[in-house]
Each structure stands twice: as C-alpha cells, then as structure tokens.
Protein backbone atom coordinates (compact mmCIF):
# COMPACT_ATOMS: atom_id res chain seq x y z
CA MET A 1 -13.56 -39.59 13.64
CA PHE A 2 -12.74 -35.77 13.16
CA ASP A 3 -14.59 -32.75 12.82
CA ILE A 4 -14.88 -30.50 9.47
CA ARG A 5 -15.93 -26.62 9.47
CA VAL A 6 -16.27 -24.95 6.32
CA ILE A 7 -17.69 -21.31 5.98
CA CYS A 8 -19.07 -20.45 2.44
CA ASP A 9 -21.52 -18.79 0.59
CA PRO A 10 -24.67 -20.15 0.99
CA ALA A 11 -25.13 -20.71 -2.70
CA ASP A 12 -22.22 -23.00 -2.23
CA THR A 13 -23.73 -25.38 0.56
CA ASP A 14 -25.37 -28.12 -1.61
CA ARG A 15 -22.04 -28.69 -3.46
CA ILE A 16 -19.73 -28.58 -0.67
CA THR A 17 -22.00 -30.75 1.35
CA ARG A 18 -22.03 -33.38 -1.65
CA ALA A 19 -18.47 -33.03 -2.09
CA LEU A 20 -17.95 -33.83 1.60
CA LYS A 21 -20.54 -36.87 1.46
CA ALA A 22 -18.72 -38.38 -1.89
CA THR A 23 -15.35 -37.66 0.13
CA PHE A 24 -15.50 -39.07 3.57
CA ILE A 25 -17.80 -41.03 5.56
CA THR A 26 -20.31 -38.25 7.09
CA GLY A 27 -22.53 -37.48 9.92
CA ASP A 28 -25.60 -35.17 9.01
CA VAL A 29 -24.27 -31.59 8.14
CA ARG A 30 -25.11 -28.64 10.72
CA GLN A 31 -25.43 -25.40 9.44
CA TYR A 32 -25.39 -22.16 10.84
CA PRO A 33 -25.50 -18.26 9.96
CA ALA A 34 -21.62 -17.16 9.49
CA ARG A 35 -21.04 -14.13 12.82
CA ASP A 36 -20.84 -11.67 9.08
CA GLY A 37 -24.67 -12.59 8.76
CA LYS A 38 -23.10 -13.37 4.96
CA ARG A 39 -21.70 -16.60 4.71
CA THR A 40 -22.70 -20.33 6.09
CA ARG A 41 -21.02 -22.11 8.61
CA LEU A 42 -21.11 -26.32 7.90
CA TYR A 43 -20.30 -28.43 10.70
CA VAL A 44 -20.02 -32.65 9.90
CA THR A 45 -18.52 -35.35 11.64
CA ALA A 46 -16.52 -37.35 9.24
CA ASP A 47 -14.23 -40.67 9.03
CA HIS A 48 -11.96 -41.67 6.07
CA ARG A 49 -13.62 -44.04 3.72
CA PRO A 50 -12.27 -47.24 4.04
CA ALA A 51 -9.67 -48.20 0.95
CA PRO A 52 -11.56 -50.04 -1.55
CA LYS A 53 -11.09 -53.80 -2.23
CA PRO A 54 -9.10 -54.93 -5.30
CA PHE A 55 -11.47 -56.05 -7.69
CA PRO A 56 -11.30 -60.00 -8.23
CA SER A 57 -9.12 -61.90 -10.52
CA PRO A 58 -10.93 -63.22 -13.53
CA ASP A 59 -9.99 -67.11 -11.70
CA ARG A 60 -12.23 -65.85 -8.72
CA ALA A 61 -14.90 -63.47 -11.33
CA TYR A 62 -15.53 -66.67 -13.83
CA ALA A 63 -15.09 -69.10 -11.08
CA LEU A 64 -19.22 -69.80 -11.36
CA ALA A 65 -19.74 -68.77 -15.15
CA PRO A 66 -20.54 -71.03 -17.80
CA SER A 67 -18.17 -71.97 -20.74
CA VAL A 68 -17.33 -69.70 -23.08
CA LEU A 69 -19.20 -71.51 -25.52
CA ARG A 70 -22.33 -71.80 -23.76
CA GLU A 71 -22.31 -67.45 -22.62
CA MET A 72 -21.68 -67.07 -26.36
CA ALA A 73 -24.61 -68.76 -27.72
CA TRP A 74 -26.74 -67.21 -24.73
CA VAL A 75 -25.27 -63.60 -26.01
CA THR A 76 -25.99 -64.44 -29.69
CA ASN A 77 -29.34 -65.76 -29.27
CA THR A 78 -30.31 -62.95 -26.68
CA ILE A 79 -28.74 -60.16 -29.57
CA ALA A 80 -30.72 -62.56 -32.48
CA THR A 81 -34.21 -62.68 -31.22
CA ALA A 82 -34.27 -59.29 -30.02
CA GLU A 83 -36.87 -57.49 -32.17
CA CYS A 84 -35.24 -54.35 -34.16
CA PHE A 85 -34.14 -50.91 -31.79
CA THR A 86 -35.27 -52.95 -29.07
CA GLU A 87 -32.96 -51.61 -25.74
CA LEU A 88 -31.71 -54.89 -24.20
CA ASP A 89 -31.74 -54.82 -20.27
CA ARG A 90 -28.20 -54.81 -17.98
CA ASP A 91 -27.86 -58.25 -17.92
CA TYR A 92 -27.27 -58.76 -21.30
CA TYR A 93 -24.45 -55.92 -21.56
CA LEU A 94 -22.76 -57.46 -18.35
CA ARG A 95 -22.72 -60.81 -19.96
CA LYS A 96 -21.79 -59.38 -23.12
CA ALA A 97 -19.02 -57.78 -21.25
CA ALA A 98 -17.74 -60.44 -19.21
CA LEU A 99 -17.56 -63.00 -22.42
CA LEU A 100 -15.68 -60.51 -24.14
CA ASP A 101 -13.21 -60.29 -21.12
CA ARG A 102 -12.84 -64.08 -20.96
CA ILE A 103 -12.27 -64.28 -25.03
CA ALA A 104 -9.57 -61.23 -23.97
CA LEU A 105 -7.95 -62.97 -21.67
CA MET A 106 -6.65 -65.73 -23.30
CA ASP A 107 -5.73 -63.61 -25.95
CA GLU A 108 -3.63 -61.59 -23.85
CA PRO A 109 -1.16 -63.64 -22.10
CA ALA A 110 1.74 -61.02 -23.37
CA PRO A 111 1.41 -58.08 -25.31
CA PRO A 112 0.91 -57.03 -28.16
CA PHE A 113 -2.62 -56.95 -27.21
CA GLY A 114 -5.25 -57.50 -29.99
CA ASP A 115 -8.66 -56.85 -31.22
CA ALA A 116 -10.45 -59.02 -28.59
CA THR A 117 -8.71 -57.04 -25.91
CA GLU A 118 -10.08 -53.68 -27.36
CA ALA A 119 -13.51 -55.11 -27.63
CA ALA A 120 -13.38 -56.36 -24.26
CA LYS A 121 -12.38 -52.56 -23.37
CA ALA A 122 -15.16 -51.17 -25.33
CA ALA A 123 -17.91 -53.49 -23.68
CA ALA A 124 -16.87 -52.78 -20.14
CA VAL A 125 -16.88 -49.15 -21.13
CA PHE A 126 -20.01 -49.06 -22.58
CA LEU A 127 -21.47 -50.97 -19.36
CA LEU A 128 -19.77 -48.75 -17.39
CA ASP A 129 -21.52 -45.79 -19.17
CA THR A 130 -24.93 -47.51 -18.78
CA ASP A 131 -24.42 -47.73 -15.09
CA ARG A 132 -22.40 -44.56 -14.23
CA ALA A 133 -25.75 -42.60 -12.91
CA HIS A 134 -26.28 -45.41 -10.54
CA LEU A 135 -22.57 -45.03 -9.23
CA GLU A 136 -21.15 -43.17 -6.29
CA PRO A 137 -18.70 -40.88 -7.26
CA LEU A 138 -15.75 -42.88 -5.86
CA MET A 139 -16.63 -46.28 -7.50
CA ALA A 140 -17.38 -44.61 -11.12
CA GLU A 141 -13.51 -42.95 -10.81
CA ARG A 142 -12.30 -46.51 -9.56
CA ALA A 143 -14.41 -48.23 -12.24
CA GLU A 144 -12.69 -45.77 -15.33
CA ARG A 145 -9.63 -46.80 -14.06
CA ASP A 146 -9.98 -50.34 -14.82
CA PRO A 147 -13.41 -51.06 -16.47
CA ARG A 148 -12.80 -54.84 -17.25
CA GLY A 149 -12.19 -55.26 -13.64
CA CYS A 150 -15.33 -53.32 -13.11
CA VAL A 151 -16.79 -55.89 -15.04
CA ARG A 152 -15.75 -58.80 -13.40
CA GLU A 153 -16.55 -57.27 -9.79
CA GLN A 154 -20.26 -57.13 -11.29
CA TYR A 155 -20.09 -60.33 -12.66
CA ALA A 156 -19.06 -62.08 -9.48
CA LEU A 157 -21.94 -60.41 -8.05
CA ARG A 158 -24.27 -61.64 -10.28
CA ALA A 159 -22.99 -65.39 -11.23
CA TYR A 160 -25.16 -67.60 -8.43
CA CYS A 161 -27.56 -69.84 -8.51
CA VAL A 162 -31.36 -68.55 -9.13
CA CYS A 163 -32.92 -71.55 -9.97
CA ASP A 164 -35.38 -71.42 -6.92
CA ASP A 165 -35.56 -67.59 -7.04
CA PHE A 166 -39.18 -66.41 -8.05
CA GLY A 167 -38.86 -63.83 -10.17
CA GLU A 168 -34.91 -63.20 -10.84
CA GLY A 169 -34.25 -64.00 -14.04
CA ASP A 170 -32.72 -66.76 -16.08
CA CYS A 171 -29.92 -68.47 -13.79
CA LEU A 172 -25.94 -68.09 -15.41
CA LEU A 173 -25.29 -70.95 -13.64
CA HIS A 174 -27.98 -73.44 -15.56
CA PRO A 175 -29.03 -71.89 -18.41
CA GLU A 176 -31.02 -74.90 -19.74
CA PRO A 177 -34.64 -74.35 -19.13
CA ASP A 178 -35.15 -78.26 -17.94
CA HIS A 179 -32.71 -77.47 -15.07
C-alpha cells in the first residue's frame, strides 16, 4: 500500500480520479483546496493491481463445449430462424466467436494461417466491441491485445450446465430440449 498526493486544477479532478482508479486499487479519494486557493489537492491510498491471469488455453476453455458440429448447428439455426434486422443477444455472438476460434485452431498448427484465422479474429473483435462499454479499461486493453483469448475466457465462464437454473437460457452442455 502507498499514498498518492496530486495537486491539480479543479477541472481535472474527475479525470485524474478515474485514471487513478483504473491504474491502481484505490480507497476513497480525499479532496482539499491547495494552499494557493486555486488548485485542488487529492489524497488517495492505493495498491498495485495484481497481474492478470493468463487467458485460458483452448483445451481448458472448450473442455465443456459441445462438438464443433453441434455448435455450428446452433449458430446457423439461430441466425436462420431470426427475423430480418433482429439484434441477436450476446450469447449468440460469444458462441459464434468461440466456434470460429475452434475452427481456426484446427487450421493453424503452423503459419501461414488462412481465412479461418481471420474470421475468428474478426468475430472476436466484434464481440469485444459489443462488450467494451462494460469492460474495465485494463481488461479492454488486455482483450485488444488478444481478442481470441478474451473469447476463450468468456466462453469458459459461460460453459456450465444451467439445465436446473430457472431463467438462465439454453444450456451449452445439453442443448437438446429433452435433457
């Protein structure tokens, strides 16, 4: 833990406070007038953010995933049965990005990488763009460096059985309605 003191123009206090909170784990920011009466003093107790965990490996992220063919059927059925100009939910875009990532992984044991890799990255960037407003700045920056890794992380968080959870939506592990 350490203390930070910033003397700044009063108009900059909100911007500086946001930047401190994005960079460090912080307590409450205390604000006082500076001795010159024109500027503001900010005091905050802070700590370093822990290093982020690496994105999960493809094997770990997709360990509970349905087969590629089953996931492909779900993605194509979802888009085929949607009305024109319907905005699909995040789950569709996550599953599509994960499917394209899995297909690209089969195509990329060694360079040169083909169209599957480009399609997987494009789908991952699209998902990242839809999530950007909800991401912390550090997470967004990390996801921009490896959008497909971010897809794997989000998919691994989503891939659990929800058959017994009322209102949780379709189960990725058991997509058949008779399960």
